[in-house]
């Protein structure tokens, strides 16, 4: 095996391993509502099947005039600075609806609008381009980066390190509706394993050595 071929294999293996390790906080609602709560006059309950997959969260607008949002439990709060550069996501599905799409005047009222609050800082972003259909689950996600959330890096790190409140708007219809939520998760960027660092170092060293060796072989000695 040539040195270049060995270097390619080493680098490929290192990069594959690098994507394996990551921190994740999630609610898959496989057994319960996991402490999620609903704002206003919405009822919230756990359903054991027909999720994506398994159990999921069912939120019913028993009062069609109330704005709909749900609030994350404590396991998603606190010091989440390790998730800087990662992502946040959820799965949504409209179970039933009786009315046109909701078109709010302003504020974080659109379906899929996510509010993060901490250290006296509030940031909102709308993760969903519209209301999910009734035929299949849709996945919505966003990067956890200062640029995406429109904030300076220092303030963004302060917010993540003292995250105290997460609210997700699920108001999709101007009228009665039932919405399903599943697989809410916060994920860090991939964390390379210690062995991956070593393998990557070996691969880079071999690449450097191979290139130097080729350069030496290409040098032509000129007569004095």
N, C-alpha and C. Protein backbone atom coordinates (compact mmCIF):
# COMPACT_ATOMS: atom_id res chain seq x y z
N UNK A 1 0.85 -1.20 0.00
CA UNK A 1 0.00 0.00 0.00
C UNK A 1 0.88 1.24 0.00
N UNK A 2 0.58 2.17 -0.90
CA UNK A 2 1.36 3.39 -0.96
C UNK A 2 1.06 4.27 0.25
N UNK A 3 2.00 5.19 0.53
CA UNK A 3 1.82 6.09 1.67
C UNK A 3 0.61 7.00 1.46
N UNK A 4 0.37 7.43 0.21
CA UNK A 4 -0.77 8.30 -0.08
C UNK A 4 -2.08 7.55 0.18
N UNK A 5 -2.12 6.26 -0.24
CA UNK A 5 -3.32 5.45 -0.03
C UNK A 5 -3.57 5.26 1.46
N UNK A 6 -2.53 4.99 2.23
CA UNK A 6 -2.66 4.82 3.68
C UNK A 6 -3.18 6.09 4.32
N UNK A 7 -2.68 7.23 3.88
CA UNK A 7 -3.11 8.51 4.44
C UNK A 7 -4.58 8.74 4.17
N UNK A 8 -5.04 8.40 2.95
CA UNK A 8 -6.45 8.57 2.61
C UNK A 8 -7.34 7.73 3.49
N UNK A 9 -6.96 6.48 3.72
CA UNK A 9 -7.74 5.58 4.58
C UNK A 9 -7.77 6.11 6.01
N UNK A 10 -6.63 6.56 6.52
CA UNK A 10 -6.56 7.07 7.89
C UNK A 10 -7.44 8.29 8.08
N UNK A 11 -7.38 9.20 7.11
CA UNK A 11 -8.19 10.41 7.20
C UNK A 11 -9.68 10.09 7.10
N UNK A 12 -10.06 9.18 6.21
CA UNK A 12 -11.46 8.81 6.06
C UNK A 12 -12.01 8.19 7.33
N UNK A 13 -11.22 7.33 7.95
CA UNK A 13 -11.65 6.70 9.19
C UNK A 13 -11.78 7.71 10.31
N UNK A 14 -10.86 8.65 10.36
CA UNK A 14 -10.91 9.68 11.41
C UNK A 14 -12.14 10.55 11.26
N UNK A 15 -12.45 10.95 10.03
CA UNK A 15 -13.62 11.80 9.81
C UNK A 15 -14.91 11.05 10.09
N UNK A 16 -14.95 9.76 9.78
CA UNK A 16 -16.14 8.97 10.08
C UNK A 16 -16.36 8.86 11.57
N UNK A 17 -15.29 8.65 12.33
CA UNK A 17 -15.40 8.56 13.78
C UNK A 17 -15.79 9.89 14.39
N UNK A 18 -15.36 10.98 13.77
CA UNK A 18 -15.61 12.30 14.34
C UNK A 18 -17.08 12.60 14.43
N UNK A 19 -17.89 12.05 13.52
CA UNK A 19 -19.32 12.34 13.52
C UNK A 19 -20.10 11.44 14.45
N UNK A 20 -19.42 10.49 15.11
CA UNK A 20 -20.13 9.51 15.93
C UNK A 20 -20.52 10.07 17.29
N UNK A 21 -19.68 10.86 17.91
CA UNK A 21 -19.94 11.32 19.26
C UNK A 21 -20.60 12.68 19.29
N UNK A 22 -21.72 12.81 20.01
CA UNK A 22 -22.39 14.10 20.15
C UNK A 22 -23.27 14.06 21.38
N UNK A 23 -23.44 15.21 22.02
CA UNK A 23 -24.35 15.33 23.15
C UNK A 23 -25.76 15.55 22.63
N UNK A 24 -26.74 14.93 23.28
CA UNK A 24 -28.13 15.09 22.87
C UNK A 24 -29.04 15.15 24.09
N UNK A 25 -29.96 16.11 24.08
CA UNK A 25 -31.05 16.15 25.05
C UNK A 25 -32.32 16.01 24.22
N UNK A 26 -33.20 15.07 24.58
CA UNK A 26 -34.35 14.83 23.71
C UNK A 26 -35.58 14.40 24.50
N UNK A 27 -36.73 14.64 23.89
CA UNK A 27 -38.01 14.10 24.35
C UNK A 27 -38.61 13.34 23.18
N UNK A 28 -38.67 12.00 23.30
CA UNK A 28 -39.28 11.22 22.23
C UNK A 28 -40.70 10.78 22.60
N UNK A 29 -41.11 11.12 23.81
CA UNK A 29 -42.48 10.86 24.28
C UNK A 29 -42.88 9.39 24.13
N UNK A 30 -41.92 8.51 24.30
CA UNK A 30 -42.21 7.09 24.16
C UNK A 30 -43.11 6.57 25.28
N UNK A 31 -43.02 7.17 26.48
CA UNK A 31 -43.78 6.65 27.61
C UNK A 31 -44.65 7.69 28.32
N UNK A 32 -44.38 9.00 28.13
CA UNK A 32 -45.13 10.03 28.85
C UNK A 32 -44.97 11.38 28.16
N UNK A 33 -45.58 12.43 28.76
CA UNK A 33 -45.42 13.77 28.20
C UNK A 33 -44.10 14.41 28.61
N UNK A 34 -43.34 13.74 29.49
CA UNK A 34 -41.99 14.12 29.90
C UNK A 34 -41.91 15.53 30.51
N UNK A 35 -43.03 16.00 31.08
CA UNK A 35 -43.01 17.26 31.79
C UNK A 35 -43.26 18.49 30.94
N UNK A 36 -43.60 18.32 29.67
CA UNK A 36 -43.95 19.46 28.83
C UNK A 36 -45.31 20.02 29.26
N UNK A 37 -45.49 21.31 29.15
CA UNK A 37 -46.74 21.96 29.54
C UNK A 37 -47.24 22.83 28.39
N UNK A 38 -48.56 23.09 28.41
CA UNK A 38 -49.18 23.93 27.38
C UNK A 38 -49.60 25.25 27.98
N UNK A 39 -49.39 26.31 27.22
CA UNK A 39 -49.86 27.63 27.63
C UNK A 39 -51.34 27.79 27.30
N UNK A 40 -51.99 28.70 28.03
CA UNK A 40 -53.37 29.09 27.76
C UNK A 40 -54.33 27.90 27.87
N UNK A 41 -55.41 27.95 27.11
CA UNK A 41 -56.47 26.95 27.27
C UNK A 41 -56.29 25.76 26.34
N UNK A 42 -55.12 25.22 26.31
CA UNK A 42 -54.85 24.04 25.51
C UNK A 42 -54.67 22.84 26.43
N UNK A 43 -55.17 21.70 26.01
CA UNK A 43 -54.94 20.48 26.77
C UNK A 43 -53.77 19.73 26.14
N UNK A 44 -52.97 19.10 26.98
CA UNK A 44 -51.78 18.40 26.50
C UNK A 44 -51.80 16.99 27.07
N UNK A 45 -51.56 16.01 26.23
CA UNK A 45 -51.58 14.63 26.69
C UNK A 45 -50.61 13.79 25.88
N UNK A 46 -50.29 12.63 26.44
CA UNK A 46 -49.40 11.69 25.77
C UNK A 46 -50.23 10.62 25.07
N UNK A 47 -49.83 10.30 23.84
CA UNK A 47 -50.45 9.20 23.11
C UNK A 47 -49.39 8.17 22.80
N UNK A 48 -49.70 6.90 23.01
CA UNK A 48 -48.69 5.86 22.98
C UNK A 48 -48.29 5.33 21.63
N UNK A 49 -49.02 5.66 20.58
CA UNK A 49 -48.66 5.16 19.25
C UNK A 49 -48.97 6.21 18.18
N UNK A 50 -48.62 5.89 16.95
CA UNK A 50 -48.81 6.76 15.79
C UNK A 50 -47.87 7.97 15.79
N UNK A 51 -46.82 7.92 16.63
CA UNK A 51 -45.83 8.99 16.62
C UNK A 51 -44.82 8.78 15.52
N UNK A 52 -43.61 9.32 15.71
CA UNK A 52 -42.61 9.26 14.64
C UNK A 52 -41.27 8.68 15.13
N UNK A 53 -41.21 7.44 15.57
CA UNK A 53 -42.32 6.50 15.72
C UNK A 53 -42.79 6.46 17.19
N UNK A 54 -43.62 5.49 17.54
CA UNK A 54 -44.04 5.29 18.92
C UNK A 54 -44.93 6.40 19.45
N UNK A 55 -44.70 6.77 20.72
CA UNK A 55 -45.52 7.78 21.37
C UNK A 55 -45.23 9.18 20.89
N UNK A 56 -46.19 10.08 21.15
CA UNK A 56 -46.00 11.49 20.81
C UNK A 56 -46.88 12.36 21.68
N UNK A 57 -46.72 13.65 21.58
CA UNK A 57 -47.44 14.62 22.38
C UNK A 57 -48.61 15.16 21.57
N UNK A 58 -49.80 15.12 22.16
CA UNK A 58 -51.01 15.62 21.50
C UNK A 58 -51.45 16.89 22.22
N UNK A 59 -51.58 17.98 21.47
CA UNK A 59 -51.98 19.26 22.03
C UNK A 59 -53.28 19.69 21.36
N UNK A 60 -54.35 19.82 22.17
CA UNK A 60 -55.69 20.08 21.65
C UNK A 60 -56.14 21.48 22.04
N UNK A 61 -56.55 22.25 21.03
CA UNK A 61 -57.05 23.60 21.27
C UNK A 61 -58.51 23.52 21.68
N UNK A 62 -58.76 23.36 22.97
CA UNK A 62 -60.13 23.27 23.46
C UNK A 62 -60.81 24.63 23.46
N UNK A 63 -60.02 25.69 23.39
CA UNK A 63 -60.55 27.04 23.25
C UNK A 63 -59.92 27.64 22.00
N UNK A 64 -60.67 27.68 20.90
CA UNK A 64 -60.12 28.06 19.61
C UNK A 64 -59.59 29.49 19.59
N UNK A 65 -59.93 30.30 20.59
CA UNK A 65 -59.47 31.69 20.60
C UNK A 65 -58.12 31.86 21.29
N UNK A 66 -57.60 30.81 21.92
CA UNK A 66 -56.36 30.93 22.69
C UNK A 66 -55.15 30.66 21.82
N UNK A 67 -54.10 31.46 22.03
CA UNK A 67 -52.84 31.26 21.31
C UNK A 67 -52.13 30.01 21.84
N UNK A 68 -51.61 29.20 20.97
CA UNK A 68 -51.06 27.90 21.34
C UNK A 68 -49.55 27.88 21.38
N UNK A 69 -49.01 27.46 22.51
CA UNK A 69 -47.57 27.22 22.60
C UNK A 69 -47.33 26.22 23.71
N UNK A 70 -46.20 25.53 23.63
CA UNK A 70 -45.83 24.57 24.66
C UNK A 70 -44.45 24.94 25.22
N UNK A 71 -44.21 24.52 26.47
CA UNK A 71 -43.01 24.93 27.20
C UNK A 71 -42.20 23.70 27.57
N UNK A 72 -40.88 23.78 27.35
CA UNK A 72 -39.99 22.65 27.60
C UNK A 72 -39.75 22.46 29.09
N UNK A 73 -39.54 21.22 29.53
CA UNK A 73 -39.23 20.93 30.93
C UNK A 73 -37.79 21.26 31.29
N UNK A 74 -37.46 21.10 32.55
CA UNK A 74 -36.16 21.51 33.09
C UNK A 74 -34.96 20.83 32.48
N UNK A 75 -35.11 19.63 31.92
CA UNK A 75 -33.93 18.94 31.41
C UNK A 75 -33.32 19.65 30.20
N UNK A 76 -34.09 20.53 29.56
CA UNK A 76 -33.58 21.28 28.43
C UNK A 76 -32.98 22.63 28.84
N UNK A 77 -32.98 22.92 30.13
CA UNK A 77 -32.55 24.23 30.61
C UNK A 77 -31.25 24.13 31.39
N UNK A 78 -30.67 25.29 31.72
CA UNK A 78 -29.42 25.33 32.47
C UNK A 78 -28.25 25.74 31.59
N UNK A 79 -27.10 25.16 31.86
CA UNK A 79 -25.90 25.49 31.09
C UNK A 79 -25.82 24.60 29.86
N UNK A 80 -26.18 25.16 28.72
CA UNK A 80 -26.14 24.44 27.45
C UNK A 80 -25.05 25.00 26.53
N UNK A 81 -24.01 25.59 27.13
CA UNK A 81 -22.94 26.16 26.32
C UNK A 81 -22.23 25.11 25.48
N UNK A 82 -22.25 23.84 25.92
CA UNK A 82 -21.63 22.77 25.14
C UNK A 82 -22.36 22.50 23.84
N UNK A 83 -23.58 23.04 23.69
CA UNK A 83 -24.36 22.81 22.48
C UNK A 83 -24.20 23.93 21.46
N UNK A 84 -23.36 24.91 21.77
CA UNK A 84 -23.08 25.99 20.83
C UNK A 84 -22.51 25.40 19.53
N UNK A 85 -23.11 25.76 18.41
CA UNK A 85 -22.69 25.20 17.13
C UNK A 85 -23.43 23.93 16.75
N UNK A 86 -24.32 23.46 17.63
CA UNK A 86 -25.10 22.27 17.34
C UNK A 86 -26.40 22.61 16.63
N UNK A 87 -27.49 21.95 17.04
CA UNK A 87 -28.76 22.18 16.38
C UNK A 87 -29.92 21.90 17.33
N UNK A 88 -31.10 22.41 16.97
CA UNK A 88 -32.33 22.17 17.72
C UNK A 88 -33.39 21.77 16.71
N UNK A 89 -34.26 20.82 17.06
CA UNK A 89 -35.21 20.29 16.07
C UNK A 89 -36.42 19.69 16.76
N UNK A 90 -37.49 19.54 15.97
CA UNK A 90 -38.69 18.83 16.44
C UNK A 90 -39.44 18.30 15.23
N UNK A 91 -40.33 17.33 15.49
CA UNK A 91 -41.21 16.79 14.46
C UNK A 91 -42.64 17.24 14.75
N UNK A 92 -43.37 17.63 13.70
CA UNK A 92 -44.73 18.09 13.88
C UNK A 92 -45.68 17.47 12.88
N UNK A 93 -46.96 17.36 13.30
CA UNK A 93 -48.00 16.85 12.42
C UNK A 93 -49.34 17.41 12.87
N UNK A 94 -50.15 17.87 11.94
CA UNK A 94 -51.50 18.32 12.27
C UNK A 94 -52.42 17.11 12.33
N UNK A 95 -53.03 16.89 13.50
CA UNK A 95 -53.92 15.74 13.67
C UNK A 95 -55.30 16.06 13.10
N UNK A 96 -55.80 17.23 13.41
CA UNK A 96 -57.08 17.67 12.84
C UNK A 96 -57.12 19.19 12.85
N UNK A 97 -57.95 19.77 12.00
CA UNK A 97 -58.05 21.22 11.90
C UNK A 97 -59.42 21.62 11.39
N UNK A 98 -59.87 22.82 11.82
CA UNK A 98 -61.14 23.34 11.37
C UNK A 98 -61.00 24.86 11.22
N UNK A 99 -60.40 25.27 10.11
CA UNK A 99 -60.19 26.69 9.87
C UNK A 99 -59.01 26.92 8.96
N UNK A 100 -58.84 28.16 8.49
CA UNK A 100 -57.71 28.50 7.61
C UNK A 100 -56.41 28.61 8.39
N UNK A 101 -55.30 28.64 7.67
CA UNK A 101 -53.99 28.80 8.32
C UNK A 101 -53.96 30.07 9.15
N UNK A 102 -53.25 30.00 10.28
CA UNK A 102 -53.10 31.11 11.19
C UNK A 102 -52.09 32.10 10.62
N UNK A 103 -52.47 33.38 10.54
CA UNK A 103 -51.58 34.43 10.04
C UNK A 103 -51.51 35.56 11.05
N UNK A 104 -50.61 35.45 12.01
CA UNK A 104 -50.54 36.45 13.08
C UNK A 104 -50.02 37.80 12.59
N UNK A 105 -50.35 38.83 13.34
CA UNK A 105 -49.89 40.17 13.00
C UNK A 105 -48.39 40.31 13.26
N UNK A 106 -47.91 39.73 14.32
CA UNK A 106 -46.49 39.84 14.65
C UNK A 106 -46.16 39.01 15.88
N UNK A 107 -44.92 39.11 16.34
CA UNK A 107 -44.49 38.34 17.50
C UNK A 107 -44.20 36.90 17.15
N UNK A 108 -43.83 36.12 18.15
CA UNK A 108 -43.47 34.71 17.94
C UNK A 108 -44.73 33.85 18.02
N UNK A 109 -45.63 34.04 17.04
CA UNK A 109 -46.91 33.35 17.06
C UNK A 109 -47.10 32.38 15.92
N UNK A 110 -46.24 32.40 14.94
CA UNK A 110 -46.33 31.44 13.84
C UNK A 110 -46.07 30.03 14.33
N UNK A 111 -46.64 29.05 13.62
CA UNK A 111 -46.33 27.66 13.92
C UNK A 111 -44.82 27.44 13.75
N UNK A 112 -44.21 26.81 14.74
CA UNK A 112 -42.78 26.50 14.67
C UNK A 112 -41.87 27.60 15.16
N UNK A 113 -42.43 28.71 15.66
CA UNK A 113 -41.57 29.78 16.19
C UNK A 113 -41.04 29.36 17.55
N UNK A 114 -39.75 29.40 17.70
CA UNK A 114 -39.09 28.95 18.92
C UNK A 114 -38.51 30.14 19.67
N UNK A 115 -38.77 30.18 20.97
CA UNK A 115 -38.26 31.25 21.81
C UNK A 115 -37.25 30.68 22.81
N UNK A 116 -36.06 31.27 22.85
CA UNK A 116 -35.03 30.91 23.82
C UNK A 116 -34.80 32.11 24.73
N UNK A 117 -34.75 31.86 26.03
CA UNK A 117 -34.57 32.96 26.98
C UNK A 117 -33.56 32.55 28.04
N UNK A 118 -32.67 33.48 28.39
CA UNK A 118 -31.69 33.24 29.43
C UNK A 118 -30.78 34.43 29.61
N UNK A 119 -30.33 34.65 30.82
CA UNK A 119 -29.42 35.76 31.15
C UNK A 119 -30.02 37.11 30.73
N UNK A 120 -31.34 37.24 30.82
CA UNK A 120 -32.00 38.48 30.43
C UNK A 120 -32.08 38.71 28.93
N UNK A 121 -31.78 37.67 28.13
CA UNK A 121 -31.77 37.78 26.67
C UNK A 121 -32.87 36.88 26.11
N UNK A 122 -33.60 37.38 25.13
CA UNK A 122 -34.64 36.60 24.46
C UNK A 122 -34.36 36.63 22.96
N UNK A 123 -34.34 35.45 22.35
CA UNK A 123 -34.19 35.34 20.90
C UNK A 123 -35.29 34.43 20.36
N UNK A 124 -35.82 34.76 19.20
CA UNK A 124 -36.85 33.95 18.56
C UNK A 124 -36.49 33.71 17.10
N UNK A 125 -36.85 32.54 16.62
CA UNK A 125 -36.71 32.21 15.19
C UNK A 125 -37.84 31.27 14.79
N UNK A 126 -38.35 31.44 13.60
CA UNK A 126 -39.40 30.58 13.08
C UNK A 126 -38.76 29.43 12.30
N UNK A 127 -38.88 28.22 12.83
CA UNK A 127 -38.26 27.06 12.21
C UNK A 127 -39.08 26.46 11.08
N UNK A 128 -40.39 26.77 11.05
CA UNK A 128 -41.28 26.12 10.08
C UNK A 128 -41.73 27.10 9.01
N UNK A 129 -41.66 26.69 7.74
CA UNK A 129 -42.12 27.57 6.66
C UNK A 129 -43.64 27.63 6.55
N UNK A 130 -44.34 26.74 7.23
CA UNK A 130 -45.80 26.71 7.18
C UNK A 130 -46.34 25.73 8.21
N UNK A 131 -47.60 25.36 8.07
CA UNK A 131 -48.24 24.43 8.98
C UNK A 131 -48.09 23.01 8.44
N UNK A 132 -47.71 22.04 9.29
CA UNK A 132 -47.56 20.67 8.78
C UNK A 132 -48.89 20.09 8.33
N UNK A 133 -48.82 19.17 7.38
CA UNK A 133 -50.02 18.52 6.87
C UNK A 133 -50.52 17.44 7.82
N UNK A 134 -51.62 16.81 7.45
CA UNK A 134 -52.21 15.76 8.26
C UNK A 134 -51.82 14.36 7.79
N UNK A 135 -51.06 14.29 6.69
CA UNK A 135 -50.76 12.99 6.11
C UNK A 135 -49.44 12.40 6.58
N UNK A 136 -48.51 13.23 7.04
CA UNK A 136 -47.19 12.71 7.44
C UNK A 136 -46.52 13.68 8.40
N UNK A 137 -45.54 13.17 9.14
CA UNK A 137 -44.76 13.99 10.05
C UNK A 137 -43.76 14.83 9.26
N UNK A 138 -43.55 16.05 9.72
CA UNK A 138 -42.54 16.94 9.14
C UNK A 138 -41.49 17.24 10.20
N UNK A 139 -40.23 17.34 9.78
CA UNK A 139 -39.13 17.66 10.68
C UNK A 139 -38.65 19.07 10.43
N UNK A 140 -38.49 19.84 11.50
CA UNK A 140 -38.02 21.22 11.43
C UNK A 140 -36.78 21.35 12.31
N UNK A 141 -35.76 22.03 11.82
CA UNK A 141 -34.52 22.16 12.59
C UNK A 141 -33.86 23.49 12.32
N UNK A 142 -32.95 23.88 13.21
CA UNK A 142 -32.21 25.13 13.07
C UNK A 142 -30.87 24.99 13.77
N UNK A 143 -29.84 25.67 13.25
CA UNK A 143 -28.53 25.64 13.92
C UNK A 143 -28.53 26.47 15.18
N UNK A 144 -27.77 26.05 16.15
CA UNK A 144 -27.59 26.82 17.38
C UNK A 144 -26.31 27.65 17.25
N UNK A 145 -26.42 28.69 16.45
CA UNK A 145 -25.28 29.58 16.22
C UNK A 145 -25.71 31.02 16.42
N UNK A 146 -24.76 31.85 16.81
CA UNK A 146 -25.06 33.27 17.05
C UNK A 146 -25.56 33.94 15.79
N UNK A 147 -24.96 33.64 14.65
CA UNK A 147 -25.36 34.27 13.39
C UNK A 147 -26.82 33.97 13.06
N UNK A 148 -27.21 32.70 13.20
CA UNK A 148 -28.57 32.31 12.84
C UNK A 148 -29.59 33.01 13.73
N UNK A 149 -29.27 33.15 15.02
CA UNK A 149 -30.21 33.74 15.95
C UNK A 149 -30.07 35.27 16.04
N UNK A 150 -29.20 35.84 15.21
CA UNK A 150 -29.08 37.29 15.11
C UNK A 150 -28.59 37.97 16.37
N UNK A 151 -27.49 37.49 16.90
CA UNK A 151 -26.98 38.00 18.17
C UNK A 151 -25.46 37.90 18.16
N UNK A 152 -24.79 38.74 18.94
CA UNK A 152 -23.34 38.64 19.05
C UNK A 152 -22.91 37.38 19.76
N UNK A 153 -21.70 36.91 19.46
CA UNK A 153 -21.23 35.64 20.01
C UNK A 153 -21.18 35.65 21.54
N UNK A 154 -20.72 36.75 22.14
CA UNK A 154 -20.61 36.80 23.60
C UNK A 154 -21.99 36.69 24.25
N UNK A 155 -22.97 37.42 23.74
CA UNK A 155 -24.32 37.35 24.30
C UNK A 155 -24.95 35.99 24.04
N UNK A 156 -24.67 35.41 22.89
CA UNK A 156 -25.19 34.08 22.56
C UNK A 156 -24.68 33.03 23.55
N UNK A 157 -23.40 33.09 23.87
CA UNK A 157 -22.83 32.14 24.84
C UNK A 157 -23.44 32.38 26.22
N UNK A 158 -23.67 33.64 26.58
CA UNK A 158 -24.32 33.95 27.87
C UNK A 158 -25.72 33.35 27.92
N UNK A 159 -26.47 33.50 26.83
CA UNK A 159 -27.82 32.95 26.79
C UNK A 159 -27.80 31.43 26.95
N UNK A 160 -26.95 30.75 26.17
CA UNK A 160 -26.89 29.29 26.24
C UNK A 160 -26.42 28.79 27.60
N UNK A 161 -25.51 29.52 28.23
CA UNK A 161 -24.97 29.05 29.50
C UNK A 161 -25.94 29.26 30.66
N UNK A 162 -26.99 30.08 30.43
CA UNK A 162 -27.97 30.33 31.49
C UNK A 162 -29.38 30.23 30.91
N UNK A 163 -29.60 29.24 30.08
CA UNK A 163 -30.89 29.06 29.42
C UNK A 163 -31.97 28.74 30.46
N UNK A 164 -33.02 29.56 30.52
CA UNK A 164 -34.04 29.41 31.56
C UNK A 164 -35.44 29.13 31.02
N UNK A 165 -35.64 29.26 29.70
CA UNK A 165 -37.00 29.10 29.18
C UNK A 165 -36.94 28.78 27.69
N UNK A 166 -37.71 27.76 27.27
CA UNK A 166 -37.87 27.42 25.86
C UNK A 166 -39.36 27.28 25.59
N UNK A 167 -39.84 28.03 24.61
CA UNK A 167 -41.25 27.96 24.23
C UNK A 167 -41.35 27.72 22.73
N UNK A 168 -42.24 26.79 22.35
CA UNK A 168 -42.47 26.47 20.95
C UNK A 168 -43.92 26.79 20.59
N UNK A 169 -44.10 27.68 19.62
CA UNK A 169 -45.45 27.99 19.15
C UNK A 169 -45.94 26.89 18.22
N UNK A 170 -47.16 26.41 18.45
CA UNK A 170 -47.75 25.40 17.56
C UNK A 170 -49.13 25.85 17.09
N UNK A 171 -49.34 27.15 17.05
CA UNK A 171 -50.59 27.72 16.54
C UNK A 171 -50.57 27.66 15.02
N UNK A 172 -51.38 26.75 14.44
CA UNK A 172 -51.34 26.57 13.01
C UNK A 172 -52.61 26.98 12.28
N UNK A 173 -53.74 27.04 13.00
CA UNK A 173 -55.04 27.25 12.38
C UNK A 173 -55.81 28.34 13.11
N UNK A 174 -56.49 29.17 12.36
CA UNK A 174 -57.38 30.16 12.96
C UNK A 174 -58.72 29.46 13.22
N UNK A 175 -58.79 28.78 14.37
CA UNK A 175 -59.95 27.97 14.72
C UNK A 175 -59.51 26.76 15.52
N UNK A 176 -60.38 25.79 15.64
CA UNK A 176 -60.07 24.58 16.42
C UNK A 176 -59.05 23.71 15.69
N UNK A 177 -58.16 23.11 16.46
CA UNK A 177 -57.13 22.24 15.87
C UNK A 177 -56.54 21.33 16.92
N UNK A 178 -55.95 20.24 16.46
CA UNK A 178 -55.19 19.33 17.31
C UNK A 178 -53.84 19.13 16.64
N UNK A 179 -52.76 19.40 17.38
CA UNK A 179 -51.41 19.29 16.83
C UNK A 179 -50.64 18.18 17.54
N UNK A 180 -49.79 17.49 16.77
CA UNK A 180 -48.91 16.47 17.33
C UNK A 180 -47.46 16.94 17.29
N UNK A 181 -46.74 16.69 18.38
CA UNK A 181 -45.32 17.03 18.48
C UNK A 181 -44.54 15.79 18.90
N UNK A 182 -43.39 15.57 18.28
CA UNK A 182 -42.56 14.41 18.62
C UNK A 182 -41.09 14.78 18.46
N UNK A 183 -40.25 14.05 19.17
CA UNK A 183 -38.79 14.10 18.99
C UNK A 183 -38.21 15.52 19.07
N UNK A 184 -38.57 16.24 20.11
CA UNK A 184 -37.91 17.53 20.33
C UNK A 184 -36.51 17.23 20.84
N UNK A 185 -35.50 17.85 20.22
CA UNK A 185 -34.12 17.51 20.60
C UNK A 185 -33.18 18.68 20.40
N UNK A 186 -32.19 18.71 21.26
CA UNK A 186 -31.09 19.66 21.16
C UNK A 186 -29.81 18.83 21.05
N UNK A 187 -29.01 19.09 20.01
CA UNK A 187 -27.83 18.28 19.74
C UNK A 187 -26.60 19.15 19.61
N UNK A 188 -25.50 18.67 20.16
CA UNK A 188 -24.24 19.39 20.01
C UNK A 188 -23.62 19.08 18.67
N UNK A 189 -22.61 19.84 18.30
CA UNK A 189 -21.82 19.48 17.13
C UNK A 189 -21.09 18.18 17.43
N UNK A 190 -20.72 17.40 16.39
CA UNK A 190 -20.01 16.14 16.63
C UNK A 190 -18.77 16.34 17.48
N UNK A 191 -18.56 15.44 18.43
CA UNK A 191 -17.42 15.50 19.33
C UNK A 191 -16.48 14.34 19.00
N UNK A 192 -15.29 14.62 18.45
CA UNK A 192 -14.36 13.53 18.12
C UNK A 192 -13.93 12.78 19.37
N UNK A 193 -13.87 11.45 19.26
CA UNK A 193 -13.34 10.63 20.34
C UNK A 193 -11.83 10.82 20.44
N UNK A 194 -11.24 10.58 21.63
CA UNK A 194 -9.77 10.71 21.76
C UNK A 194 -9.00 9.90 20.74
N UNK A 195 -9.49 8.69 20.45
CA UNK A 195 -8.80 7.86 19.46
C UNK A 195 -8.86 8.50 18.08
N UNK A 196 -9.94 9.22 17.82
CA UNK A 196 -10.06 9.88 16.52
C UNK A 196 -9.00 10.95 16.35
N UNK A 197 -8.76 11.72 17.43
CA UNK A 197 -7.70 12.73 17.37
C UNK A 197 -6.37 12.10 16.99
N UNK A 198 -6.06 10.95 17.62
CA UNK A 198 -4.78 10.29 17.36
C UNK A 198 -4.71 9.80 15.91
N UNK A 199 -5.81 9.20 15.44
CA UNK A 199 -5.83 8.69 14.07
C UNK A 199 -5.72 9.82 13.07
N UNK A 200 -6.41 10.93 13.35
CA UNK A 200 -6.33 12.07 12.46
C UNK A 200 -4.91 12.63 12.41
N UNK A 201 -4.24 12.67 13.57
CA UNK A 201 -2.87 13.16 13.61
C UNK A 201 -1.94 12.27 12.78
N UNK A 202 -2.16 10.94 12.88
CA UNK A 202 -1.35 10.01 12.11
C UNK A 202 -1.57 10.24 10.62
N UNK A 203 -2.85 10.37 10.22
CA UNK A 203 -3.16 10.58 8.81
C UNK A 203 -2.54 11.84 8.27
N UNK A 204 -2.64 12.93 9.02
CA UNK A 204 -2.06 14.20 8.57
C UNK A 204 -0.54 14.11 8.49
N UNK A 205 0.06 13.40 9.45
CA UNK A 205 1.52 13.24 9.44
C UNK A 205 1.98 12.47 8.20
N UNK A 206 1.23 11.41 7.87
CA UNK A 206 1.59 10.61 6.70
C UNK A 206 1.44 11.43 5.43
N UNK A 207 0.36 12.22 5.34
CA UNK A 207 0.17 13.07 4.16
C UNK A 207 1.33 14.04 4.01
N UNK A 208 1.75 14.67 5.11
CA UNK A 208 2.85 15.62 5.09
C UNK A 208 4.14 14.94 4.67
N UNK A 209 4.37 13.73 5.23
CA UNK A 209 5.60 13.00 4.90
C UNK A 209 5.60 12.58 3.43
N UNK A 210 4.43 12.12 2.93
CA UNK A 210 4.35 11.67 1.54
C UNK A 210 4.60 12.81 0.56
N UNK A 211 4.06 13.98 0.89
CA UNK A 211 4.27 15.13 0.00
C UNK A 211 5.72 15.56 -0.02
N UNK A 212 6.37 15.57 1.15
CA UNK A 212 7.78 15.93 1.19
C UNK A 212 8.61 14.93 0.41
N UNK A 213 8.24 13.63 0.52
CA UNK A 213 9.00 12.59 -0.16
C UNK A 213 8.88 12.75 -1.68
N UNK A 214 7.65 13.06 -2.16
CA UNK A 214 7.47 13.27 -3.59
C UNK A 214 8.27 14.47 -4.10
N UNK A 215 8.31 15.53 -3.28
CA UNK A 215 9.06 16.72 -3.69
C UNK A 215 10.55 16.41 -3.81
N UNK A 216 11.06 15.62 -2.86
CA UNK A 216 12.49 15.28 -2.91
C UNK A 216 12.79 14.44 -4.15
N UNK A 217 11.83 13.51 -4.51
CA UNK A 217 12.07 12.65 -5.66
C UNK A 217 12.03 13.45 -6.96
N UNK A 218 11.33 14.58 -6.97
CA UNK A 218 11.21 15.37 -8.19
C UNK A 218 12.36 16.35 -8.36
N UNK A 219 13.25 16.46 -7.39
CA UNK A 219 14.38 17.39 -7.51
C UNK A 219 15.45 16.78 -8.43
N UNK A 220 15.89 17.53 -9.42
CA UNK A 220 16.91 17.05 -10.34
C UNK A 220 18.23 17.70 -9.98
N UNK A 221 19.24 16.89 -9.74
CA UNK A 221 20.56 17.43 -9.40
C UNK A 221 21.24 17.96 -10.67
N UNK A 222 21.55 19.21 -10.69
CA UNK A 222 22.21 19.84 -11.83
C UNK A 222 23.75 19.72 -11.65
N UNK A 223 24.48 19.51 -12.77
CA UNK A 223 25.94 19.42 -12.68
C UNK A 223 26.55 20.76 -12.24
N UNK A 224 27.63 20.68 -11.48
CA UNK A 224 28.29 21.89 -10.99
C UNK A 224 28.93 22.63 -12.16
